[in-house]
Amino acid sequence: ARAAPRRTAVIDGERAISYEELDEGSNQVARTLQELGIG
């Protein structure tokens, strides 16, 4: 995400996300789990 933030990381049919978007989304999931006391 730091080296190539705009490069495509995942393709799902017609949808795709960049490394930056994947990193941001994973941080949101991690924060949600942390808020639930899960780590």
ModelCIF file with pLDDT and N, C-alpha, C, O atoms, coordinates in Angstrom:
data_MODEL
#
_entry.id   MODEL 
#
_entity.id                         1 
_entity.type                       polymer 
_entity.pdbx_number_of_molecules   1 
#
_entity_poly.entity_id                      1 
_entity_poly.type                           'polypeptide(L)' 
_entity_poly.nstd_linkage                   no 
_entity_poly.nstd_monomer                   no 
_entity_poly.pdbx_seq_one_letter_code       ARAAPRRTAVIDGERAISYEELDEGSNQVARTLQELGIG 
_entity_poly.pdbx_seq_one_letter_code_can   ARAAPRRTAVIDGERAISYEELDEGSNQVARTLQELGIG 
_entity_poly.pdbx_strand_id                 A 
#
loop_
_entity_poly_seq.entity_id 
_entity_poly_seq.num 
_entity_poly_seq.mon_id 
_entity_poly_seq.hetero 
1 1  ALA n 
1 2  ARG n 
1 3  ALA n 
1 4  ALA n 
1 5  PRO n 
1 6  ARG n 
1 7  ARG n 
1 8  THR n 
1 9  ALA n 
1 10 VAL n 
1 11 ILE n 
1 12 ASP n 
1 13 GLY n 
1 14 GLU n 
1 15 ARG n 
1 16 ALA n 
1 17 ILE n 
1 18 SER n 
1 19 TYR n 
1 20 GLU n 
1 21 GLU n 
1 22 LEU n 
1 23 ASP n 
1 24 GLU n 
1 25 GLY n 
1 26 SER n 
1 27 ASN n 
1 28 GLN n 
1 29 VAL n 
1 30 ALA n 
1 31 ARG n 
1 32 THR n 
1 33 LEU n 
1 34 GLN n 
1 35 GLU n 
1 36 LEU n 
1 37 GLY n 
1 38 ILE n 
1 39 GLY n 
#
_struct_asym.id          A 
_struct_asym.entity_id   1 
#
loop_
_ma_qa_metric.id 
_ma_qa_metric.mode 
_ma_qa_metric.name 
_ma_qa_metric.software_group_id 
_ma_qa_metric.type 
1 global pLDDT . pLDDT 
2 local  pLDDT . pLDDT 
#
_ma_qa_metric_global.metric_id      1 
_ma_qa_metric_global.metric_value   94.90 
_ma_qa_metric_global.model_id       1 
_ma_qa_metric_global.ordinal_id     1 
#
loop_
_ma_qa_metric_local.label_asym_id 
_ma_qa_metric_local.label_comp_id 
_ma_qa_metric_local.label_seq_id 
_ma_qa_metric_local.metric_id 
_ma_qa_metric_local.metric_value 
_ma_qa_metric_local.model_id 
_ma_qa_metric_local.ordinal_id 
A ALA 1  2 87.00 1 1  
A ARG 2  2 90.00 1 2  
A ALA 3  2 93.00 1 3  
A ALA 4  2 93.00 1 4  
A PRO 5  2 94.00 1 5  
A ARG 6  2 97.00 1 6  
A ARG 7  2 96.00 1 7  
A THR 8  2 96.00 1 8  
A ALA 9  2 95.00 1 9  
A VAL 10 2 95.00 1 10 
A ILE 11 2 96.00 1 11 
A ASP 12 2 95.00 1 12 
A GLY 13 2 93.00 1 13 
A GLU 14 2 95.00 1 14 
A ARG 15 2 96.00 1 15 
A ALA 16 2 97.00 1 16 
A ILE 17 2 96.00 1 17 
A SER 18 2 96.00 1 18 
A TYR 19 2 95.00 1 19 
A GLU 20 2 95.00 1 20 
A GLU 21 2 96.00 1 21 
A LEU 22 2 95.00 1 22 
A ASP 23 2 95.00 1 23 
A GLU 24 2 96.00 1 24 
A GLY 25 2 96.00 1 25 
A SER 26 2 95.00 1 26 
A ASN 27 2 95.00 1 27 
A GLN 28 2 97.00 1 28 
A VAL 29 2 97.00 1 29 
A ALA 30 2 95.00 1 30 
A ARG 31 2 95.00 1 31 
A THR 32 2 97.00 1 32 
A LEU 33 2 96.00 1 33 
A GLN 34 2 95.00 1 34 
A GLU 35 2 95.00 1 35 
A LEU 36 2 96.00 1 36 
A GLY 37 2 94.00 1 37 
A ILE 38 2 95.00 1 38 
A GLY 39 2 91.00 1 39 
#
loop_
_atom_site.group_PDB 
_atom_site.id 
_atom_site.type_symbol 
_atom_site.label_atom_id 
_atom_site.label_alt_id 
_atom_site.label_comp_id 
_atom_site.label_asym_id 
_atom_site.label_entity_id 
_atom_site.label_seq_id 
_atom_site.pdbx_PDB_ins_code 
_atom_site.Cartn_x 
_atom_site.Cartn_y 
_atom_site.Cartn_z 
_atom_site.occupancy 
_atom_site.B_iso_or_equiv 
_atom_site.pdbx_formal_charge 
_atom_site.auth_seq_id 
_atom_site.auth_comp_id 
_atom_site.auth_asym_id 
_atom_site.auth_atom_id 
_atom_site.pdbx_PDB_model_num 
ATOM 1   N N  . ALA A 1 1  ? 0.829   -1.209  0.000   1.00 87.00 ? 1  ALA A N  1 
ATOM 2   C CA . ALA A 1 1  ? 0.000   0.000   0.000   1.00 87.00 ? 1  ALA A CA 1 
ATOM 3   C C  . ALA A 1 1  ? 0.860   1.255   0.000   1.00 87.00 ? 1  ALA A C  1 
ATOM 4   O O  . ALA A 1 1  ? 0.487   2.266   -0.595  1.00 87.00 ? 1  ALA A O  1 
ATOM 5   N N  . ARG A 1 2  ? 2.004   1.194   0.662   1.00 90.00 ? 2  ARG A N  1 
ATOM 6   C CA . ARG A 1 2  ? 2.919   2.342   0.653   1.00 90.00 ? 2  ARG A CA 1 
ATOM 7   C C  . ARG A 1 2  ? 3.655   2.460   -0.688  1.00 90.00 ? 2  ARG A C  1 
ATOM 8   O O  . ARG A 1 2  ? 3.812   3.561   -1.217  1.00 90.00 ? 2  ARG A O  1 
ATOM 9   N N  . ALA A 1 3  ? 4.101   1.333   -1.231  1.00 93.00 ? 3  ALA A N  1 
ATOM 10  C CA . ALA A 1 3  ? 4.905   1.337   -2.454  1.00 93.00 ? 3  ALA A CA 1 
ATOM 11  C C  . ALA A 1 3  ? 4.075   1.600   -3.713  1.00 93.00 ? 3  ALA A C  1 
ATOM 12  O O  . ALA A 1 3  ? 4.520   2.312   -4.613  1.00 93.00 ? 3  ALA A O  1 
ATOM 13  N N  . ALA A 1 4  ? 2.886   1.034   -3.776  1.00 93.00 ? 4  ALA A N  1 
ATOM 14  C CA . ALA A 1 4  ? 2.055   1.153   -4.984  1.00 93.00 ? 4  ALA A CA 1 
ATOM 15  C C  . ALA A 1 4  ? 0.584   1.266   -4.596  1.00 93.00 ? 4  ALA A C  1 
ATOM 16  O O  . ALA A 1 4  ? -0.198  0.358   -4.875  1.00 93.00 ? 4  ALA A O  1 
ATOM 17  N N  . PRO A 1 5  ? 0.199   2.372   -3.956  1.00 94.00 ? 5  PRO A N  1 
ATOM 18  C CA . PRO A 1 5  ? -1.157  2.479   -3.412  1.00 94.00 ? 5  PRO A CA 1 
ATOM 19  C C  . PRO A 1 5  ? -2.280  2.330   -4.440  1.00 94.00 ? 5  PRO A C  1 
ATOM 20  O O  . PRO A 1 5  ? -3.347  1.807   -4.118  1.00 94.00 ? 5  PRO A O  1 
ATOM 21  N N  . ARG A 1 6  ? -2.051  2.780   -5.654  1.00 97.00 ? 6  ARG A N  1 
ATOM 22  C CA . ARG A 1 6  ? -3.120  2.759   -6.668  1.00 97.00 ? 6  ARG A CA 1 
ATOM 23  C C  . ARG A 1 6  ? -3.133  1.473   -7.496  1.00 97.00 ? 6  ARG A C  1 
ATOM 24  O O  . ARG A 1 6  ? -4.056  1.256   -8.281  1.00 97.00 ? 6  ARG A O  1 
ATOM 25  N N  . ARG A 1 7  ? -2.138  0.633   -7.331  1.00 96.00 ? 7  ARG A N  1 
ATOM 26  C CA . ARG A 1 7  ? -2.071  -0.612  -8.100  1.00 96.00 ? 7  ARG A CA 1 
ATOM 27  C C  . ARG A 1 7  ? -3.194  -1.555  -7.645  1.00 96.00 ? 7  ARG A C  1 
ATOM 28  O O  . ARG A 1 7  ? -3.523  -1.616  -6.461  1.00 96.00 ? 7  ARG A O  1 
ATOM 29  N N  . THR A 1 8  ? -3.767  -2.278  -8.591  1.00 96.00 ? 8  THR A N  1 
ATOM 30  C CA . THR A 1 8  ? -4.864  -3.195  -8.287  1.00 96.00 ? 8  THR A CA 1 
ATOM 31  C C  . THR A 1 8  ? -4.365  -4.352  -7.433  1.00 96.00 ? 8  THR A C  1 
ATOM 32  O O  . THR A 1 8  ? -3.381  -5.012  -7.766  1.00 96.00 ? 8  THR A O  1 
ATOM 33  N N  . ALA A 1 9  ? -5.063  -4.587  -6.324  1.00 95.00 ? 9  ALA A N  1 
ATOM 34  C CA . ALA A 1 9  ? -4.697  -5.660  -5.394  1.00 95.00 ? 9  ALA A CA 1 
ATOM 35  C C  . ALA A 1 9  ? -5.598  -6.877  -5.576  1.00 95.00 ? 9  ALA A C  1 
ATOM 36  O O  . ALA A 1 9  ? -5.125  -8.013  -5.545  1.00 95.00 ? 9  ALA A O  1 
ATOM 37  N N  . VAL A 1 10 ? -6.901  -6.639  -5.767  1.00 95.00 ? 10 VAL A N  1 
ATOM 38  C CA . VAL A 1 10 ? -7.867  -7.735  -5.853  1.00 95.00 ? 10 VAL A CA 1 
ATOM 39  C C  . VAL A 1 10 ? -8.888  -7.405  -6.924  1.00 95.00 ? 10 VAL A C  1 
ATOM 40  O O  . VAL A 1 10 ? -9.377  -6.279  -7.015  1.00 95.00 ? 10 VAL A O  1 
ATOM 41  N N  . ILE A 1 11 ? -9.203  -8.412  -7.735  1.00 96.00 ? 11 ILE A N  1 
ATOM 42  C CA . ILE A 1 11 ? -10.259 -8.283  -8.741  1.00 96.00 ? 11 ILE A CA 1 
ATOM 43  C C  . ILE A 1 11 ? -11.316 -9.337  -8.437  1.00 96.00 ? 11 ILE A C  1 
ATOM 44  O O  . ILE A 1 11 ? -11.005 -10.510 -8.227  1.00 96.00 ? 11 ILE A O  1 
ATOM 45  N N  . ASP A 1 12 ? -12.575 -8.894  -8.420  1.00 95.00 ? 12 ASP A N  1 
ATOM 46  C CA . ASP A 1 12 ? -13.712 -9.777  -8.172  1.00 95.00 ? 12 ASP A CA 1 
ATOM 47  C C  . ASP A 1 12 ? -14.752 -9.489  -9.249  1.00 95.00 ? 12 ASP A C  1 
ATOM 48  O O  . ASP A 1 12 ? -15.598 -8.608  -9.094  1.00 95.00 ? 12 ASP A O  1 
ATOM 49  N N  . GLY A 1 13 ? -14.679 -10.239 -10.334 1.00 93.00 ? 13 GLY A N  1 
ATOM 50  C CA . GLY A 1 13 ? -15.602 -9.991  -11.442 1.00 93.00 ? 13 GLY A CA 1 
ATOM 51  C C  . GLY A 1 13 ? -15.359 -8.616  -12.018 1.00 93.00 ? 13 GLY A C  1 
ATOM 52  O O  . GLY A 1 13 ? -14.276 -8.334  -12.530 1.00 93.00 ? 13 GLY A O  1 
ATOM 53  N N  . GLU A 1 14 ? -16.369 -7.750  -11.938 1.00 95.00 ? 14 GLU A N  1 
ATOM 54  C CA . GLU A 1 14 ? -16.275 -6.384  -12.449 1.00 95.00 ? 14 GLU A CA 1 
ATOM 55  C C  . GLU A 1 14 ? -15.720 -5.419  -11.405 1.00 95.00 ? 14 GLU A C  1 
ATOM 56  O O  . GLU A 1 14 ? -15.418 -4.268  -11.722 1.00 95.00 ? 14 GLU A O  1 
ATOM 57  N N  . ARG A 1 15 ? -15.588 -5.873  -10.190 1.00 96.00 ? 15 ARG A N  1 
ATOM 58  C CA . ARG A 1 15 ? -15.110 -4.999  -9.108  1.00 96.00 ? 15 ARG A CA 1 
ATOM 59  C C  . ARG A 1 15 ? -13.613 -5.213  -8.876  1.00 96.00 ? 15 ARG A C  1 
ATOM 60  O O  . ARG A 1 15 ? -13.087 -6.310  -9.059  1.00 96.00 ? 15 ARG A O  1 
ATOM 61  N N  . ALA A 1 16 ? -12.952 -4.141  -8.470  1.00 97.00 ? 16 ALA A N  1 
ATOM 62  C CA . ALA A 1 16 ? -11.517 -4.220  -8.147  1.00 97.00 ? 16 ALA A CA 1 
ATOM 63  C C  . ALA A 1 16 ? -11.212 -3.207  -7.059  1.00 97.00 ? 16 ALA A C  1 
ATOM 64  O O  . ALA A 1 16 ? -11.881 -2.179  -6.952  1.00 97.00 ? 16 ALA A O  1 
ATOM 65  N N  . ILE A 1 17 ? -10.194 -3.502  -6.246  1.00 96.00 ? 17 ILE A N  1 
ATOM 66  C CA . ILE A 1 17 ? -9.733  -2.544  -5.253  1.00 96.00 ? 17 ILE A CA 1 
ATOM 67  C C  . ILE A 1 17 ? -8.210  -2.460  -5.305  1.00 96.00 ? 17 ILE A C  1 
ATOM 68  O O  . ILE A 1 17 ? -7.524  -3.413  -5.673  1.00 96.00 ? 17 ILE A O  1 
ATOM 69  N N  . SER A 1 18 ? -7.714  -1.298  -4.928  1.00 96.00 ? 18 SER A N  1 
ATOM 70  C CA . SER A 1 18 ? -6.269  -1.057  -4.918  1.00 96.00 ? 18 SER A CA 1 
ATOM 71  C C  . SER A 1 18 ? -5.682  -1.554  -3.602  1.00 96.00 ? 18 SER A C  1 
ATOM 72  O O  . SER A 1 18 ? -6.406  -1.910  -2.672  1.00 96.00 ? 18 SER A O  1 
ATOM 73  N N  . TYR A 1 19 ? -4.342  -1.569  -3.550  1.00 95.00 ? 19 TYR A N  1 
ATOM 74  C CA . TYR A 1 19 ? -3.665  -1.929  -2.303  1.00 95.00 ? 19 TYR A CA 1 
ATOM 75  C C  . TYR A 1 19 ? -4.033  -0.952  -1.188  1.00 95.00 ? 19 TYR A C  1 
ATOM 76  O O  . TYR A 1 19 ? -4.217  -1.354  -0.039  1.00 95.00 ? 19 TYR A O  1 
ATOM 77  N N  . GLU A 1 20 ? -4.139  0.318   -1.527  1.00 95.00 ? 20 GLU A N  1 
ATOM 78  C CA . GLU A 1 20 ? -4.506  1.322   -0.532  1.00 95.00 ? 20 GLU A CA 1 
ATOM 79  C C  . GLU A 1 20 ? -5.913  1.049   0.017   1.00 95.00 ? 20 GLU A C  1 
ATOM 80  O O  . GLU A 1 20 ? -6.124  1.101   1.229   1.00 95.00 ? 20 GLU A O  1 
ATOM 81  N N  . GLU A 1 21 ? -6.863  0.762   -0.858  1.00 96.00 ? 21 GLU A N  1 
ATOM 82  C CA . GLU A 1 21 ? -8.235  0.472   -0.427  1.00 96.00 ? 21 GLU A CA 1 
ATOM 83  C C  . GLU A 1 21 ? -8.300  -0.808  0.397   1.00 96.00 ? 21 GLU A C  1 
ATOM 84  O O  . GLU A 1 21 ? -9.036  -0.878  1.381   1.00 96.00 ? 21 GLU A O  1 
ATOM 85  N N  . LEU A 1 22 ? -7.539  -1.809  0.002   1.00 95.00 ? 22 LEU A N  1 
ATOM 86  C CA . LEU A 1 22 ? -7.500  -3.057  0.752   1.00 95.00 ? 22 LEU A CA 1 
ATOM 87  C C  . LEU A 1 22 ? -6.909  -2.824  2.141   1.00 95.00 ? 22 LEU A C  1 
ATOM 88  O O  . LEU A 1 22 ? -7.424  -3.348  3.129   1.00 95.00 ? 22 LEU A O  1 
ATOM 89  N N  . ASP A 1 23 ? -5.847  -2.053  2.221   1.00 95.00 ? 23 ASP A N  1 
ATOM 90  C CA . ASP A 1 23 ? -5.222  -1.730  3.502   1.00 95.00 ? 23 ASP A CA 1 
ATOM 91  C C  . ASP A 1 23 ? -6.193  -0.958  4.394   1.00 95.00 ? 23 ASP A C  1 
ATOM 92  O O  . ASP A 1 23 ? -6.337  -1.272  5.575   1.00 95.00 ? 23 ASP A O  1 
ATOM 93  N N  . GLU A 1 24 ? -6.851  0.041   3.834   1.00 96.00 ? 24 GLU A N  1 
ATOM 94  C CA . GLU A 1 24 ? -7.801  0.838   4.619   1.00 96.00 ? 24 GLU A CA 1 
ATOM 95  C C  . GLU A 1 24 ? -8.972  -0.015  5.110   1.00 96.00 ? 24 GLU A C  1 
ATOM 96  O O  . GLU A 1 24 ? -9.373  0.087   6.269   1.00 96.00 ? 24 GLU A O  1 
ATOM 97  N N  . GLY A 1 25 ? -9.517  -0.852  4.231   1.00 96.00 ? 25 GLY A N  1 
ATOM 98  C CA . GLY A 1 25 ? -10.626 -1.719  4.616   1.00 96.00 ? 25 GLY A CA 1 
ATOM 99  C C  . GLY A 1 25 ? -10.230 -2.713  5.695   1.00 96.00 ? 25 GLY A C  1 
ATOM 100 O O  . GLY A 1 25 ? -11.002 -2.974  6.618   1.00 96.00 ? 25 GLY A O  1 
ATOM 101 N N  . SER A 1 26 ? -9.029  -3.268  5.579   1.00 95.00 ? 26 SER A N  1 
ATOM 102 C CA . SER A 1 26 ? -8.591  -4.226  6.592   1.00 95.00 ? 26 SER A CA 1 
ATOM 103 C C  . SER A 1 26 ? -8.398  -3.540  7.937   1.00 95.00 ? 26 SER A C  1 
ATOM 104 O O  . SER A 1 26 ? -8.656  -4.140  8.981   1.00 95.00 ? 26 SER A O  1 
ATOM 105 N N  . ASN A 1 27 ? -7.948  -2.287  7.923   1.00 95.00 ? 27 ASN A N  1 
ATOM 106 C CA . ASN A 1 27 ? -7.824  -1.543  9.178   1.00 95.00 ? 27 ASN A CA 1 
ATOM 107 C C  . ASN A 1 27 ? -9.192  -1.277  9.803   1.00 95.00 ? 27 ASN A C  1 
ATOM 108 O O  . ASN A 1 27 ? -9.330  -1.291  11.026  1.00 95.00 ? 27 ASN A O  1 
ATOM 109 N N  . GLN A 1 28 ? -10.196 -1.037  8.974   1.00 97.00 ? 28 GLN A N  1 
ATOM 110 C CA . GLN A 1 28 ? -11.553 -0.833  9.497   1.00 97.00 ? 28 GLN A CA 1 
ATOM 111 C C  . GLN A 1 28 ? -12.090 -2.116  10.147  1.00 97.00 ? 28 GLN A C  1 
ATOM 112 O O  . GLN A 1 28 ? -12.715 -2.060  11.206  1.00 97.00 ? 28 GLN A O  1 
ATOM 113 N N  . VAL A 1 29 ? -11.851 -3.244  9.527   1.00 97.00 ? 29 VAL A N  1 
ATOM 114 C CA . VAL A 1 29 ? -12.280 -4.520  10.120  1.00 97.00 ? 29 VAL A CA 1 
ATOM 115 C C  . VAL A 1 29 ? -11.525 -4.754  11.425  1.00 97.00 ? 29 VAL A C  1 
ATOM 116 O O  . VAL A 1 29 ? -12.123 -5.145  12.427  1.00 97.00 ? 29 VAL A O  1 
ATOM 117 N N  . ALA A 1 30 ? -10.221 -4.518  11.419  1.00 95.00 ? 30 ALA A N  1 
ATOM 118 C CA . ALA A 1 30 ? -9.416  -4.707  12.627  1.00 95.00 ? 30 ALA A CA 1 
ATOM 119 C C  . ALA A 1 30 ? -9.903  -3.806  13.758  1.00 95.00 ? 30 ALA A C  1 
ATOM 120 O O  . ALA A 1 30 ? -10.001 -4.251  14.901  1.00 95.00 ? 30 ALA A O  1 
ATOM 121 N N  . ARG A 1 31 ? -10.204 -2.560  13.456  1.00 95.00 ? 31 ARG A N  1 
ATOM 122 C CA . ARG A 1 31 ? -10.721 -1.635  14.478  1.00 95.00 ? 31 ARG A CA 1 
ATOM 123 C C  . ARG A 1 31 ? -12.067 -2.097  15.021  1.00 95.00 ? 31 ARG A C  1 
ATOM 124 O O  . ARG A 1 31 ? -12.326 -2.002  16.221  1.00 95.00 ? 31 ARG A O  1 
ATOM 125 N N  . THR A 1 32 ? -12.914 -2.592  14.143  1.00 97.00 ? 32 THR A N  1 
ATOM 126 C CA . THR A 1 32 ? -14.215 -3.097  14.581  1.00 97.00 ? 32 THR A CA 1 
ATOM 127 C C  . THR A 1 32 ? -14.032 -4.258  15.545  1.00 97.00 ? 32 THR A C  1 
ATOM 128 O O  . THR A 1 32 ? -14.672 -4.309  16.595  1.00 97.00 ? 32 THR A O  1 
ATOM 129 N N  . LEU A 1 33 ? -13.161 -5.182  15.187  1.00 96.00 ? 33 LEU A N  1 
ATOM 130 C CA . LEU A 1 33 ? -12.893 -6.321  16.073  1.00 96.00 ? 33 LEU A CA 1 
ATOM 131 C C  . LEU A 1 33 ? -12.325 -5.834  17.396  1.00 96.00 ? 33 LEU A C  1 
ATOM 132 O O  . LEU A 1 33 ? -12.716 -6.321  18.457  1.00 96.00 ? 33 LEU A O  1 
ATOM 133 N N  . GLN A 1 34 ? -11.413 -4.885  17.344  1.00 95.00 ? 34 GLN A N  1 
ATOM 134 C CA . GLN A 1 34 ? -10.819 -4.333  18.563  1.00 95.00 ? 34 GLN A CA 1 
ATOM 135 C C  . GLN A 1 34 ? -11.895 -3.709  19.451  1.00 95.00 ? 34 GLN A C  1 
ATOM 136 O O  . GLN A 1 34 ? -11.878 -3.898  20.668  1.00 95.00 ? 34 GLN A O  1 
ATOM 137 N N  . GLU A 1 35 ? -12.827 -2.971  18.856  1.00 95.00 ? 35 GLU A N  1 
ATOM 138 C CA . GLU A 1 35 ? -13.928 -2.360  19.614  1.00 95.00 ? 35 GLU A CA 1 
ATOM 139 C C  . GLU A 1 35 ? -14.797 -3.414  20.299  1.00 95.00 ? 35 GLU A C  1 
ATOM 140 O O  . GLU A 1 35 ? -15.384 -3.156  21.349  1.00 95.00 ? 35 GLU A O  1 
ATOM 141 N N  . LEU A 1 36 ? -14.874 -4.599  19.701  1.00 96.00 ? 36 LEU A N  1 
ATOM 142 C CA . LEU A 1 36 ? -15.650 -5.696  20.284  1.00 96.00 ? 36 LEU A CA 1 
ATOM 143 C C  . LEU A 1 36 ? -14.834 -6.474  21.324  1.00 96.00 ? 36 LEU A C  1 
ATOM 144 O O  . LEU A 1 36 ? -15.320 -7.449  21.896  1.00 96.00 ? 36 LEU A O  1 
ATOM 145 N N  . GLY A 1 37 ? -13.600 -6.041  21.562  1.00 94.00 ? 37 GLY A N  1 
ATOM 146 C CA . GLY A 1 37 ? -12.741 -6.726  22.525  1.00 94.00 ? 37 GLY A CA 1 
ATOM 147 C C  . GLY A 1 37 ? -12.077 -7.963  21.952  1.00 94.00 ? 37 GLY A C  1 
ATOM 148 O O  . GLY A 1 37 ? -11.688 -8.867  22.691  1.00 94.00 ? 37 GLY A O  1 
ATOM 149 N N  . ILE A 1 38 ? -11.949 -8.001  20.638  1.00 95.00 ? 38 ILE A N  1 
ATOM 150 C CA . ILE A 1 38 ? -11.383 -9.160  19.950  1.00 95.00 ? 38 ILE A CA 1 
ATOM 151 C C  . ILE A 1 38 ? -10.029 -8.774  19.371  1.00 95.00 ? 38 ILE A C  1 
ATOM 152 O O  . ILE A 1 38 ? -9.902  -7.795  18.637  1.00 95.00 ? 38 ILE A O  1 
ATOM 153 N N  . GLY A 1 39 ? -9.022  -9.566  19.720  1.00 91.00 ? 39 GLY A N  1 
ATOM 154 C CA . GLY A 1 39 ? -7.682  -9.263  19.235  1.00 91.00 ? 39 GLY A CA 1 
ATOM 155 C C  . GLY A 1 39 ? -6.808  -10.490 19.261  1.00 91.00 ? 39 GLY A C  1 
ATOM 156 O O  . GLY A 1 39 ? -5.637  -10.423 18.885  1.00 91.00 ? 39 GLY A O  1 
#
